Amino acid sequence: MDANVITTSVYILLCLLPAALASLERLVLKDILNAHLEGGGDMHGFSAAQFRVVMKGLLESKSGAVSWEKLVDDDSVGEKALLAMVEANLLAYREPSELALDIPPAAYGSDTAVATAFLPVHLHCMRKVAGDATFSNPK
């Protein structure tokens, strides 16, 4: 492959990547806002208040992970709501793994699993929503 083809490919990638990331952020932000303000509705089976409890826990955690067991035991959340958030692709259920380099082992503590945002972009959007006074205190 000659240098011109490589240069052109890199240029195209650098031009398209910001637009693709912005588009992804818009889509995920819409989902996070809906969950934050309206919950999952009948389709997903979790309330906005339950989502906000989980979101607050994720944002307050240094690792971006919260004990699954702690959230299950929380009377305001519960396992049914957590599983509904996983099904809605807002959360991920993560067990300890040597392959998972994004969660420090200390985040698990004595627990066997943690809840994390589905993707890093979800956590990014949660931070945006939490930092925006318009959305941080819904009625």
N, C-alpha and C. Protein backbone atom coordinates (compact mmCIF):
# COMPACT_ATOMS: atom_id res chain seq x y z
N MET A 1 0.86 -1.16 0.00
CA MET A 1 0.00 0.00 0.00
C MET A 1 0.90 1.23 0.00
N ASP A 2 0.60 2.17 -0.88
CA ASP A 2 1.50 3.33 -0.92
C ASP A 2 1.09 4.38 0.10
N ALA A 3 1.96 5.33 0.33
CA ALA A 3 1.77 6.33 1.38
C ALA A 3 0.55 7.20 1.13
N ASN A 4 0.22 7.46 -0.14
CA ASN A 4 -0.95 8.31 -0.45
C ASN A 4 -2.26 7.63 -0.03
N VAL A 5 -2.35 6.34 -0.23
CA VAL A 5 -3.55 5.60 0.16
C VAL A 5 -3.70 5.62 1.68
N ILE A 6 -2.60 5.39 2.38
CA ILE A 6 -2.63 5.41 3.84
C ILE A 6 -3.00 6.80 4.34
N THR A 7 -2.39 7.83 3.78
CA THR A 7 -2.68 9.20 4.19
C THR A 7 -4.13 9.55 3.95
N THR A 8 -4.65 9.16 2.80
CA THR A 8 -6.05 9.43 2.47
C THR A 8 -6.99 8.69 3.42
N SER A 9 -6.67 7.44 3.72
CA SER A 9 -7.49 6.64 4.63
C SER A 9 -7.53 7.25 6.03
N VAL A 10 -6.37 7.66 6.52
CA VAL A 10 -6.30 8.28 7.84
C VAL A 10 -7.08 9.59 7.84
N TYR A 11 -6.95 10.38 6.79
CA TYR A 11 -7.67 11.65 6.69
C TYR A 11 -9.18 11.42 6.71
N ILE A 12 -9.65 10.44 5.96
CA ILE A 12 -11.09 10.14 5.92
C ILE A 12 -11.56 9.69 7.31
N LEU A 13 -10.79 8.83 7.95
CA LEU A 13 -11.14 8.35 9.29
C LEU A 13 -11.22 9.52 10.27
N LEU A 14 -10.24 10.40 10.22
CA LEU A 14 -10.23 11.53 11.15
C LEU A 14 -11.38 12.50 10.87
N CYS A 15 -11.82 12.58 9.65
CA CYS A 15 -12.94 13.45 9.31
C CYS A 15 -14.27 12.83 9.73
N LEU A 16 -14.41 11.52 9.61
CA LEU A 16 -15.68 10.86 9.90
C LEU A 16 -15.85 10.49 11.37
N LEU A 17 -14.77 10.23 12.06
CA LEU A 17 -14.84 9.75 13.43
C LEU A 17 -15.58 10.72 14.36
N PRO A 18 -15.27 12.02 14.35
CA PRO A 18 -15.99 12.92 15.26
C PRO A 18 -17.50 12.93 15.01
N ALA A 19 -17.91 12.89 13.76
CA ALA A 19 -19.35 12.88 13.45
C ALA A 19 -19.99 11.58 13.93
N ALA A 20 -19.29 10.46 13.75
CA ALA A 20 -19.83 9.17 14.20
C ALA A 20 -19.94 9.13 15.72
N LEU A 21 -18.94 9.64 16.42
CA LEU A 21 -18.99 9.67 17.89
C LEU A 21 -20.09 10.61 18.39
N ALA A 22 -20.25 11.74 17.74
CA ALA A 22 -21.31 12.68 18.12
C ALA A 22 -22.69 12.05 17.91
N SER A 23 -22.84 11.31 16.83
CA SER A 23 -24.10 10.64 16.55
C SER A 23 -24.39 9.57 17.61
N LEU A 24 -23.39 8.81 17.97
CA LEU A 24 -23.54 7.79 19.02
C LEU A 24 -23.91 8.45 20.34
N GLU A 25 -23.23 9.55 20.66
CA GLU A 25 -23.52 10.25 21.91
C GLU A 25 -24.97 10.74 21.94
N ARG A 26 -25.47 11.26 20.84
CA ARG A 26 -26.86 11.73 20.78
C ARG A 26 -27.85 10.59 21.03
N LEU A 27 -27.59 9.45 20.42
CA LEU A 27 -28.48 8.29 20.60
C LEU A 27 -28.49 7.81 22.04
N VAL A 28 -27.31 7.68 22.62
CA VAL A 28 -27.21 7.19 24.00
C VAL A 28 -27.76 8.23 24.97
N LEU A 29 -27.48 9.51 24.73
CA LEU A 29 -27.98 10.56 25.60
C LEU A 29 -29.50 10.56 25.64
N LYS A 30 -30.11 10.30 24.50
CA LYS A 30 -31.58 10.21 24.43
C LYS A 30 -32.07 9.07 25.33
N ASP A 31 -31.43 7.91 25.26
CA ASP A 31 -31.82 6.77 26.10
C ASP A 31 -31.63 7.07 27.59
N ILE A 32 -30.51 7.69 27.93
CA ILE A 32 -30.22 8.02 29.33
C ILE A 32 -31.24 9.04 29.85
N LEU A 33 -31.53 10.05 29.04
CA LEU A 33 -32.52 11.06 29.45
C LEU A 33 -33.90 10.44 29.65
N ASN A 34 -34.30 9.58 28.73
CA ASN A 34 -35.60 8.91 28.87
C ASN A 34 -35.66 8.09 30.15
N ALA A 35 -34.61 7.33 30.42
CA ALA A 35 -34.58 6.51 31.64
C ALA A 35 -34.56 7.39 32.88
N HIS A 36 -33.83 8.49 32.82
CA HIS A 36 -33.69 9.41 33.95
C HIS A 36 -35.00 10.12 34.26
N LEU A 37 -35.74 10.48 33.22
CA LEU A 37 -36.96 11.26 33.41
C LEU A 37 -38.23 10.41 33.45
N GLU A 38 -38.24 9.30 32.70
CA GLU A 38 -39.47 8.52 32.56
C GLU A 38 -39.36 7.07 32.99
N GLY A 39 -38.13 6.59 33.18
CA GLY A 39 -37.95 5.17 33.50
C GLY A 39 -38.08 4.33 32.24
N GLY A 40 -38.25 3.05 32.44
CA GLY A 40 -38.34 2.14 31.31
C GLY A 40 -39.76 1.88 30.85
N GLY A 41 -40.71 2.39 31.60
CA GLY A 41 -42.11 2.17 31.23
C GLY A 41 -42.49 0.70 31.35
N ASP A 42 -43.63 0.37 30.81
CA ASP A 42 -44.13 -1.01 30.88
C ASP A 42 -43.22 -1.97 30.13
N MET A 43 -42.58 -1.47 29.08
CA MET A 43 -41.77 -2.33 28.23
C MET A 43 -40.55 -2.88 28.98
N HIS A 44 -39.92 -2.04 29.81
CA HIS A 44 -38.69 -2.48 30.46
C HIS A 44 -38.83 -2.72 31.96
N GLY A 45 -39.82 -2.17 32.61
CA GLY A 45 -40.09 -2.52 33.99
C GLY A 45 -39.18 -1.92 35.05
N PHE A 46 -38.75 -0.69 34.88
CA PHE A 46 -38.04 0.02 35.94
C PHE A 46 -38.51 1.46 35.93
N SER A 47 -38.45 2.08 37.10
CA SER A 47 -38.91 3.46 37.21
C SER A 47 -37.74 4.43 37.04
N ALA A 48 -38.09 5.68 36.81
CA ALA A 48 -37.06 6.73 36.72
C ALA A 48 -36.32 6.85 38.04
N ALA A 49 -37.05 6.74 39.15
CA ALA A 49 -36.41 6.84 40.47
C ALA A 49 -35.40 5.72 40.66
N GLN A 50 -35.73 4.51 40.24
CA GLN A 50 -34.79 3.38 40.35
C GLN A 50 -33.56 3.64 39.50
N PHE A 51 -33.76 4.13 38.29
CA PHE A 51 -32.62 4.41 37.41
C PHE A 51 -31.73 5.49 38.03
N ARG A 52 -32.34 6.51 38.62
CA ARG A 52 -31.54 7.59 39.21
C ARG A 52 -30.71 7.09 40.40
N VAL A 53 -31.24 6.15 41.18
CA VAL A 53 -30.47 5.58 42.29
C VAL A 53 -29.24 4.86 41.75
N VAL A 54 -29.43 4.06 40.72
CA VAL A 54 -28.31 3.32 40.12
C VAL A 54 -27.32 4.29 39.49
N MET A 55 -27.83 5.28 38.75
CA MET A 55 -26.98 6.26 38.10
C MET A 55 -26.14 7.02 39.13
N LYS A 56 -26.75 7.41 40.22
CA LYS A 56 -26.02 8.12 41.28
C LYS A 56 -24.90 7.24 41.84
N GLY A 57 -25.19 5.97 42.06
CA GLY A 57 -24.17 5.06 42.56
C GLY A 57 -23.01 4.91 41.60
N LEU A 58 -23.31 4.80 40.31
CA LEU A 58 -22.24 4.67 39.31
C LEU A 58 -21.39 5.93 39.26
N LEU A 59 -22.03 7.08 39.32
CA LEU A 59 -21.30 8.34 39.22
C LEU A 59 -20.48 8.65 40.47
N GLU A 60 -20.92 8.17 41.61
CA GLU A 60 -20.17 8.39 42.85
C GLU A 60 -19.03 7.40 43.03
N SER A 61 -19.06 6.32 42.29
CA SER A 61 -18.03 5.29 42.39
C SER A 61 -16.78 5.72 41.62
N LYS A 62 -15.63 5.55 42.23
CA LYS A 62 -14.37 5.88 41.55
C LYS A 62 -14.12 4.97 40.36
N SER A 63 -14.60 3.75 40.44
CA SER A 63 -14.35 2.77 39.38
C SER A 63 -15.45 2.72 38.33
N GLY A 64 -16.57 3.42 38.59
CA GLY A 64 -17.71 3.35 37.67
C GLY A 64 -18.46 2.03 37.80
N ALA A 65 -18.26 1.36 38.94
CA ALA A 65 -18.93 0.08 39.18
C ALA A 65 -19.53 0.09 40.58
N VAL A 66 -20.70 -0.53 40.70
CA VAL A 66 -21.40 -0.62 41.99
C VAL A 66 -21.72 -2.09 42.24
N SER A 67 -21.60 -2.48 43.48
CA SER A 67 -21.90 -3.85 43.86
C SER A 67 -23.31 -4.23 43.43
N TRP A 68 -23.42 -5.30 42.67
CA TRP A 68 -24.72 -5.80 42.24
C TRP A 68 -25.57 -6.16 43.45
N GLU A 69 -24.92 -6.84 44.39
CA GLU A 69 -25.61 -7.29 45.60
C GLU A 69 -26.16 -6.10 46.40
N LYS A 70 -25.38 -5.04 46.49
CA LYS A 70 -25.82 -3.84 47.21
C LYS A 70 -27.06 -3.23 46.55
N LEU A 71 -27.07 -3.19 45.23
CA LEU A 71 -28.22 -2.64 44.51
C LEU A 71 -29.44 -3.56 44.62
N VAL A 72 -29.21 -4.86 44.61
CA VAL A 72 -30.31 -5.82 44.76
C VAL A 72 -30.94 -5.67 46.14
N ASP A 73 -30.09 -5.48 47.16
CA ASP A 73 -30.58 -5.36 48.54
C ASP A 73 -31.22 -4.00 48.83
N ASP A 74 -30.96 -3.02 47.96
CA ASP A 74 -31.55 -1.68 48.13
C ASP A 74 -33.05 -1.77 47.85
N ASP A 75 -33.85 -1.47 48.85
CA ASP A 75 -35.31 -1.59 48.70
C ASP A 75 -35.86 -0.71 47.58
N SER A 76 -35.15 0.36 47.24
CA SER A 76 -35.67 1.26 46.20
C SER A 76 -35.31 0.79 44.79
N VAL A 77 -34.46 -0.25 44.66
CA VAL A 77 -34.08 -0.72 43.33
C VAL A 77 -34.52 -2.17 43.13
N GLY A 78 -33.77 -3.11 43.63
CA GLY A 78 -34.12 -4.53 43.49
C GLY A 78 -33.63 -5.16 42.20
N GLU A 79 -33.57 -6.48 42.22
CA GLU A 79 -33.00 -7.23 41.10
C GLU A 79 -33.85 -7.14 39.83
N LYS A 80 -35.15 -7.15 39.97
CA LYS A 80 -36.02 -7.09 38.79
C LYS A 80 -35.76 -5.82 37.99
N ALA A 81 -35.64 -4.69 38.68
CA ALA A 81 -35.36 -3.42 38.00
C ALA A 81 -33.96 -3.42 37.38
N LEU A 82 -32.99 -3.97 38.10
CA LEU A 82 -31.62 -4.04 37.56
C LEU A 82 -31.57 -4.87 36.29
N LEU A 83 -32.22 -6.02 36.32
CA LEU A 83 -32.23 -6.88 35.13
C LEU A 83 -32.95 -6.19 33.97
N ALA A 84 -33.97 -5.41 34.28
CA ALA A 84 -34.67 -4.65 33.24
C ALA A 84 -33.75 -3.60 32.63
N MET A 85 -32.91 -2.98 33.45
CA MET A 85 -31.95 -1.99 32.94
C MET A 85 -30.88 -2.66 32.09
N VAL A 86 -30.50 -3.87 32.47
CA VAL A 86 -29.54 -4.63 31.65
C VAL A 86 -30.19 -4.97 30.31
N GLU A 87 -31.44 -5.42 30.36
CA GLU A 87 -32.16 -5.76 29.12
C GLU A 87 -32.32 -4.55 28.21
N ALA A 88 -32.45 -3.36 28.82
CA ALA A 88 -32.61 -2.13 28.04
C ALA A 88 -31.26 -1.58 27.56
N ASN A 89 -30.18 -2.31 27.83
CA ASN A 89 -28.83 -1.89 27.43
C ASN A 89 -28.40 -0.57 28.05
N LEU A 90 -28.79 -0.38 29.31
CA LEU A 90 -28.34 0.78 30.06
C LEU A 90 -27.28 0.39 31.07
N LEU A 91 -27.35 -0.83 31.57
CA LEU A 91 -26.40 -1.37 32.54
C LEU A 91 -25.80 -2.66 32.02
N ALA A 92 -24.67 -3.01 32.62
CA ALA A 92 -24.05 -4.31 32.35
C ALA A 92 -23.84 -5.02 33.68
N TYR A 93 -24.08 -6.32 33.68
CA TYR A 93 -23.80 -7.19 34.82
C TYR A 93 -22.41 -7.75 34.58
N ARG A 94 -21.46 -7.44 35.48
CA ARG A 94 -20.07 -7.83 35.23
C ARG A 94 -19.54 -8.67 36.38
N GLU A 95 -19.11 -9.87 36.06
CA GLU A 95 -18.44 -10.74 37.03
C GLU A 95 -16.94 -10.51 36.91
N PRO A 96 -16.19 -10.82 37.97
CA PRO A 96 -14.74 -10.65 37.90
C PRO A 96 -14.14 -11.47 36.74
N SER A 97 -13.21 -10.86 36.05
CA SER A 97 -12.54 -11.53 34.94
C SER A 97 -11.13 -10.98 34.80
N GLU A 98 -10.21 -11.87 34.53
CA GLU A 98 -8.83 -11.43 34.29
C GLU A 98 -8.71 -10.64 32.99
N LEU A 99 -9.68 -10.79 32.12
CA LEU A 99 -9.66 -10.09 30.84
C LEU A 99 -10.22 -8.67 30.93
N ALA A 100 -10.96 -8.39 31.99
CA ALA A 100 -11.57 -7.06 32.15
C ALA A 100 -10.58 -6.13 32.81
N LEU A 101 -9.96 -5.28 32.03
CA LEU A 101 -8.95 -4.37 32.55
C LEU A 101 -9.54 -3.01 32.94
N ASP A 102 -10.80 -2.80 32.65
CA ASP A 102 -11.41 -1.49 32.93
C ASP A 102 -11.96 -1.38 34.35
N ILE A 103 -12.06 -2.49 35.06
CA ILE A 103 -12.57 -2.47 36.44
C ILE A 103 -11.48 -3.02 37.36
N PRO A 104 -11.02 -2.21 38.30
CA PRO A 104 -10.00 -2.73 39.22
C PRO A 104 -10.58 -3.82 40.12
N PRO A 105 -9.79 -4.82 40.44
CA PRO A 105 -10.28 -5.91 41.30
C PRO A 105 -10.87 -5.41 42.62
N ALA A 106 -10.36 -4.32 43.15
CA ALA A 106 -10.87 -3.78 44.41
C ALA A 106 -12.32 -3.34 44.30
N ALA A 107 -12.78 -3.03 43.10
CA ALA A 107 -14.17 -2.60 42.91
C ALA A 107 -15.15 -3.72 43.26
N TYR A 108 -14.71 -4.95 43.11
CA TYR A 108 -15.58 -6.09 43.41
C TYR A 108 -15.68 -6.34 44.91
N GLY A 109 -14.63 -6.03 45.64
CA GLY A 109 -14.63 -6.33 47.06
C GLY A 109 -14.87 -7.81 47.27
N SER A 110 -15.80 -8.15 48.14
CA SER A 110 -16.12 -9.56 48.37
C SER A 110 -17.28 -10.02 47.51
N ASP A 111 -17.80 -9.13 46.67
CA ASP A 111 -18.95 -9.46 45.83
C ASP A 111 -18.53 -10.24 44.60
N THR A 112 -19.48 -10.93 44.04
CA THR A 112 -19.19 -11.74 42.87
C THR A 112 -19.50 -11.01 41.57
N ALA A 113 -20.18 -9.87 41.65
CA ALA A 113 -20.51 -9.13 40.43
C ALA A 113 -20.74 -7.66 40.75
N VAL A 114 -20.61 -6.85 39.72
CA VAL A 114 -20.89 -5.43 39.84
C VAL A 114 -21.79 -5.00 38.68
N ALA A 115 -22.41 -3.86 38.86
CA ALA A 115 -23.17 -3.22 37.79
C ALA A 115 -22.31 -2.08 37.27
N THR A 116 -22.25 -1.95 35.95
CA THR A 116 -21.55 -0.84 35.32
C THR A 116 -22.47 -0.25 34.25
N ALA A 117 -22.10 0.91 33.76
CA ALA A 117 -22.81 1.44 32.60
C ALA A 117 -22.58 0.47 31.45
N PHE A 118 -23.54 0.38 30.53
CA PHE A 118 -23.45 -0.59 29.44
C PHE A 118 -22.17 -0.39 28.63
N LEU A 119 -21.88 0.84 28.28
CA LEU A 119 -20.65 1.20 27.56
C LEU A 119 -20.08 2.48 28.19
N PRO A 120 -18.82 2.79 27.97
CA PRO A 120 -18.28 4.05 28.49
C PRO A 120 -19.08 5.28 28.04
N VAL A 121 -19.64 5.24 26.85
CA VAL A 121 -20.43 6.38 26.39
C VAL A 121 -21.68 6.56 27.24
N HIS A 122 -22.22 5.48 27.78
CA HIS A 122 -23.37 5.58 28.68
C HIS A 122 -22.99 6.32 29.96
N LEU A 123 -21.83 5.99 30.52
CA LEU A 123 -21.36 6.67 31.73
C LEU A 123 -21.10 8.14 31.42
N HIS A 124 -20.53 8.43 30.28
CA HIS A 124 -20.29 9.80 29.84
C HIS A 124 -21.60 10.57 29.78
N CYS A 125 -22.62 9.98 29.21
CA CYS A 125 -23.93 10.64 29.09
C CYS A 125 -24.59 10.79 30.46
N MET A 126 -24.39 9.83 31.36
CA MET A 126 -24.92 9.97 32.72
C MET A 126 -24.28 11.18 33.40
N ARG A 127 -22.98 11.36 33.18
CA ARG A 127 -22.30 12.52 33.76
C ARG A 127 -22.86 13.82 33.19
N LYS A 128 -23.15 13.83 31.90
CA LYS A 128 -23.73 15.02 31.28
C LYS A 128 -25.10 15.33 31.87
N VAL A 129 -25.92 14.32 32.01
CA VAL A 129 -27.26 14.50 32.55
C VAL A 129 -27.18 14.97 34.01
N ALA A 130 -26.31 14.35 34.79
CA ALA A 130 -26.19 14.71 36.21
C ALA A 130 -25.65 16.12 36.38
N GLY A 131 -24.83 16.56 35.46
CA GLY A 131 -24.24 17.90 35.56
C GLY A 131 -25.11 19.00 35.01
N ASP A 132 -26.19 18.65 34.34
CA ASP A 132 -27.10 19.62 33.74
C ASP A 132 -28.24 19.89 34.71
N ALA A 133 -28.32 21.10 35.23
CA ALA A 133 -29.34 21.45 36.23
C ALA A 133 -30.76 21.21 35.69
N THR A 134 -30.94 21.27 34.39
CA THR A 134 -32.26 21.05 33.80
C THR A 134 -32.77 19.65 34.10
N PHE A 135 -31.87 18.69 34.14
CA PHE A 135 -32.27 17.29 34.28
C PHE A 135 -31.93 16.68 35.63
N SER A 136 -31.07 17.32 36.41
CA SER A 136 -30.60 16.68 37.63
C SER A 136 -31.66 16.62 38.72
N ASN A 137 -32.65 17.47 38.68
CA ASN A 137 -33.70 17.46 39.70
C ASN A 137 -35.08 17.40 39.06
N PRO A 138 -35.45 16.26 38.48
CA PRO A 138 -36.77 16.17 37.86
C PRO A 138 -37.87 16.25 38.90
N LYS A 139 -39.04 16.63 38.45
CA LYS A 139 -40.19 16.78 39.35
C LYS A 139 -40.70 15.43 39.81
